[in-house]
Amino acid sequence: MPPPRFTHGYTHDVFVSYTHVDDQPDLGHRWITEFTQDLKARLEIVSGHTVDIWRDAEKLTAADRFNDSIKRAIDQAAVLLVVLSPSYFNSTPCQEERRAFYDKLKREGRGCGGTK
């Protein structure tokens, strides 16, 4: 029997915001993919709960926009985990993800600092 889920009321425990450039193969490793798998395993060990981590595994191009499936996942996530890199700061979709999460926090009364 799998361990129980957290009871915070969200579908996803963690939403990982990152650029796909940072998950390109490097010496046979996909850093974001491996990090996400390791994070899930570690969180489940220390919490005793099943953990759901959402990330956009599809490759986005410069023409892609912040879409409804990403917005839904953000609205259904308890935590936003940002993987900072130079490419992250230059990514408009990543900026939109952060802004959407901050807006969600405000709507829920879980306000946070400013967004820029």
C-alpha atoms as a PDB file:
ATOM      1  CA  MET A   1       0.000   0.000   0.000  1.00  0.00           C
ATOM      2  CA  PRO A   2       1.510   3.379  -1.003  1.00  0.00           C
ATOM      3  CA  PRO A   3       2.040   6.013   1.672  1.00  0.00           C
ATOM      4  CA  PRO A   4      -0.721   8.618   2.085  1.00  0.00           C
ATOM      5  CA  ARG A   5      -0.787  11.928   0.216  1.00  0.00           C
ATOM      6  CA  PHE A   6      -0.436  15.241   2.024  1.00  0.00           C
ATOM      7  CA  THR A   7      -3.770  16.753   3.024  1.00  0.00           C
ATOM      8  CA  HIS A   8      -3.091  20.353   2.006  1.00  0.00           C
ATOM      9  CA  GLY A   9      -5.828  20.292  -0.646  1.00  0.00           C
ATOM     10  CA  TYR A  10      -3.628  20.699  -3.727  1.00  0.00           C
ATOM     11  CA  THR A  11      -3.236  18.212  -6.574  1.00  0.00           C
ATOM     12  CA  HIS A  12       0.515  18.842  -6.855  1.00  0.00           C
ATOM     13  CA  ASP A  13       2.866  19.235  -3.934  1.00  0.00           C
ATOM     14  CA  VAL A  14       5.561  20.976  -5.988  1.00  0.00           C
ATOM     15  CA  PHE A  15       5.569  22.818  -9.334  1.00  0.00           C
ATOM     16  CA  VAL A  16       9.092  22.957 -10.799  1.00  0.00           C
ATOM     17  CA  SER A  17       9.742  26.085 -12.863  1.00  0.00           C
ATOM     18  CA  TYR A  18      12.818  25.783 -15.096  1.00  0.00           C
ATOM     19  CA  THR A  19      14.011  26.285 -18.653  1.00  0.00           C
ATOM     20  CA  HIS A  20      14.318  23.326 -20.985  1.00  0.00           C
ATOM     21  CA  VAL A  21      17.823  24.467 -21.882  1.00  0.00           C
ATOM     22  CA  ASP A  22      18.837  23.441 -18.349  1.00  0.00           C
ATOM     23  CA  ASP A  23      17.585  19.895 -18.933  1.00  0.00           C
ATOM     24  CA  GLN A  24      19.504  19.223 -22.142  1.00  0.00           C
ATOM     25  CA  PRO A  25      21.745  16.150 -21.989  1.00  0.00           C
ATOM     26  CA  ASP A  26      25.156  16.951 -20.512  1.00  0.00           C
ATOM     27  CA  LEU A  27      27.583  14.029 -20.450  1.00  0.00           C
ATOM     28  CA  GLY A  28      24.604  11.696 -20.553  1.00  0.00           C
ATOM     29  CA  HIS A  29      22.730  13.419 -17.724  1.00  0.00           C
ATOM     30  CA  ARG A  30      19.570  15.509 -17.769  1.00  0.00           C
ATOM     31  CA  TRP A  31      20.080  17.643 -14.697  1.00  0.00           C
ATOM     32  CA  ILE A  32      16.470  18.777 -14.148  1.00  0.00           C
ATOM     33  CA  THR A  33      15.053  15.297 -14.795  1.00  0.00           C
ATOM     34  CA  GLU A  34      17.484  13.701 -12.349  1.00  0.00           C
ATOM     35  CA  PHE A  35      17.049  16.464  -9.771  1.00  0.00           C
ATOM     36  CA  THR A  36      13.256  16.093  -9.879  1.00  0.00           C
ATOM     37  CA  GLN A  37      13.461  12.309  -9.470  1.00  0.00           C
ATOM     38  CA  ASP A  38      15.916  12.644  -6.565  1.00  0.00           C
ATOM     39  CA  LEU A  39      13.815  15.373  -4.917  1.00  0.00           C
ATOM     40  CA  LYS A  40      10.668  13.236  -5.115  1.00  0.00           C
ATOM     41  CA  ALA A  41      12.438  10.219  -3.618  1.00  0.00           C
ATOM     42  CA  ARG A  42      13.997  12.263  -0.816  1.00  0.00           C
ATOM     43  CA  LEU A  43      10.783  14.095   0.077  1.00  0.00           C
ATOM     44  CA  GLU A  44       8.892  10.812   0.232  1.00  0.00           C
ATOM     45  CA  ILE A  45      11.548   9.299   2.512  1.00  0.00           C
ATOM     46  CA  VAL A  46      11.643  12.192   4.974  1.00  0.00           C
ATOM     47  CA  SER A  47       7.901  12.921   4.972  1.00  0.00           C
ATOM     48  CA  GLY A  48       6.438   9.426   4.810  1.00  0.00           C
ATOM     49  CA  HIS A  49       3.973  10.740   2.197  1.00  0.00           C
ATOM     50  CA  THR A  50       3.573  10.218  -1.519  1.00  0.00           C
ATOM     51  CA  VAL A  51       4.763  13.384  -3.285  1.00  0.00           C
ATOM     52  CA  ASP A  52       3.477  14.719  -6.590  1.00  0.00           C
ATOM     53  CA  ILE A  53       5.938  16.937  -8.482  1.00  0.00           C
ATOM     54  CA  TRP A  54       4.722  18.639 -11.656  1.00  0.00           C
ATOM     55  CA  ARG A  55       7.017  19.953 -14.360  1.00  0.00           C
ATOM     56  CA  ASP A  56       6.494  20.737 -18.000  1.00  0.00           C
ATOM     57  CA  ALA A  57       8.402  17.937 -19.661  1.00  0.00           C
ATOM     58  CA  GLU A  58       7.490  19.062 -23.177  1.00  0.00           C
ATOM     59  CA  LYS A  59       9.991  21.184 -25.079  1.00  0.00           C
ATOM     60  CA  LEU A  60       8.820  24.744 -25.466  1.00  0.00           C
ATOM     61  CA  THR A  61      10.055  26.971 -28.262  1.00  0.00           C
ATOM     62  CA  ALA A  62      10.290  30.743 -28.309  1.00  0.00           C
ATOM     63  CA  ALA A  63       6.912  30.800 -30.074  1.00  0.00           C
ATOM     64  CA  ASP A  64       5.183  28.849 -27.302  1.00  0.00           C
ATOM     65  CA  ARG A  65       3.129  30.716 -24.781  1.00  0.00           C
ATOM     66  CA  PHE A  66       2.210  30.240 -21.209  1.00  0.00           C
ATOM     67  CA  ASN A  67      -0.616  27.750 -21.781  1.00  0.00           C
ATOM     68  CA  ASP A  68      -3.703  26.572 -19.904  1.00  0.00           C
ATOM     69  CA  SER A  69      -2.175  23.272 -18.726  1.00  0.00           C
ATOM     70  CA  ILE A  70       0.706  25.144 -17.094  1.00  0.00           C
ATOM     71  CA  LYS A  71      -1.695  27.653 -15.516  1.00  0.00           C
ATOM     72  CA  ARG A  72      -3.868  24.818 -14.162  1.00  0.00           C
ATOM     73  CA  ALA A  73      -0.834  23.043 -12.713  1.00  0.00           C
ATOM     74  CA  ILE A  74       0.292  26.245 -10.983  1.00  0.00           C
ATOM     75  CA  ASP A  75      -3.181  26.773  -9.525  1.00  0.00           C
ATOM     76  CA  GLN A  76      -3.123  23.189  -8.244  1.00  0.00           C
ATOM     77  CA  ALA A  77       0.385  23.346  -6.692  1.00  0.00           C
ATOM     78  CA  ALA A  78       1.211  23.929  -3.033  1.00  0.00           C
ATOM     79  CA  VAL A  79       4.810  25.033  -3.658  1.00  0.00           C
ATOM     80  CA  LEU A  80       6.722  26.674  -6.514  1.00  0.00           C
ATOM     81  CA  LEU A  81      10.308  25.495  -6.844  1.00  0.00           C
ATOM     82  CA  VAL A  82      12.395  27.696  -9.152  1.00  0.00           C
ATOM     83  CA  VAL A  83      15.608  26.369 -10.699  1.00  0.00           C
ATOM     84  CA  LEU A  84      17.590  29.568 -11.219  1.00  0.00           C
ATOM     85  CA  SER A  85      20.009  29.876 -14.107  1.00  0.00           C
ATOM     86  CA  PRO A  86      20.993  32.609 -16.563  1.00  0.00           C
ATOM     87  CA  SER A  87      18.556  31.194 -19.126  1.00  0.00           C
ATOM     88  CA  TYR A  88      15.776  31.195 -16.507  1.00  0.00           C
ATOM     89  CA  PHE A  89      16.051  34.960 -16.010  1.00  0.00           C
ATOM     90  CA  ASN A  90      15.750  35.510 -19.773  1.00  0.00           C
ATOM     91  CA  SER A  91      12.697  33.273 -20.158  1.00  0.00           C
ATOM     92  CA  THR A  92       9.339  35.011 -20.564  1.00  0.00           C
ATOM     93  CA  PRO A  93       7.349  31.792 -19.868  1.00  0.00           C
ATOM     94  CA  CYS A  94       9.285  31.329 -16.598  1.00  0.00           C
ATOM     95  CA  GLN A  95       8.503  34.926 -15.596  1.00  0.00           C
ATOM     96  CA  GLU A  96       4.838  34.217 -16.333  1.00  0.00           C
ATOM     97  CA  GLU A  97       4.945  31.057 -14.184  1.00  0.00           C
ATOM     98  CA  ARG A  98       6.348  32.991 -11.218  1.00  0.00           C
ATOM     99  CA  ARG A  99       3.850  35.802 -11.667  1.00  0.00           C
ATOM    100  CA  ALA A 100       0.941  33.321 -11.888  1.00  0.00           C
ATOM    101  CA  PHE A 101       2.078  31.591  -8.689  1.00  0.00           C
ATOM    102  CA  TYR A 102       2.403  34.898  -6.815  1.00  0.00           C
ATOM    103  CA  ASP A 103      -1.064  35.915  -8.036  1.00  0.00           C
ATOM    104  CA  LYS A 104      -2.447  32.592  -6.832  1.00  0.00           C
ATOM    105  CA  LEU A 105      -0.908  33.142  -3.399  1.00  0.00           C
ATOM    106  CA  LYS A 106      -2.525  36.558  -3.170  1.00  0.00           C
ATOM    107  CA  ARG A 107      -5.940  35.147  -4.163  1.00  0.00           C
ATOM    108  CA  GLU A 108      -5.567  32.481  -1.474  1.00  0.00           C
ATOM    109  CA  GLY A 109      -4.521  34.981   1.166  1.00  0.00           C
ATOM    110  CA  ARG A 110      -1.052  33.468   1.375  1.00  0.00           C
ATOM    111  CA  GLY A 111       0.591  36.715   0.156  1.00  0.00           C
ATOM    112  CA  CYS A 112       4.278  37.064  -0.418  1.00  0.00           C
ATOM    113  CA  GLY A 113       6.818  39.689  -1.441  1.00  0.00           C
ATOM    114  CA  GLY A 114       6.730  41.716  -4.629  1.00  0.00           C
ATOM    115  CA  THR A 115       7.054  40.366  -8.156  1.00  0.00           C
ATOM    116  CA  LYS A 116       9.371  41.915 -10.674  1.00  0.00           C
END
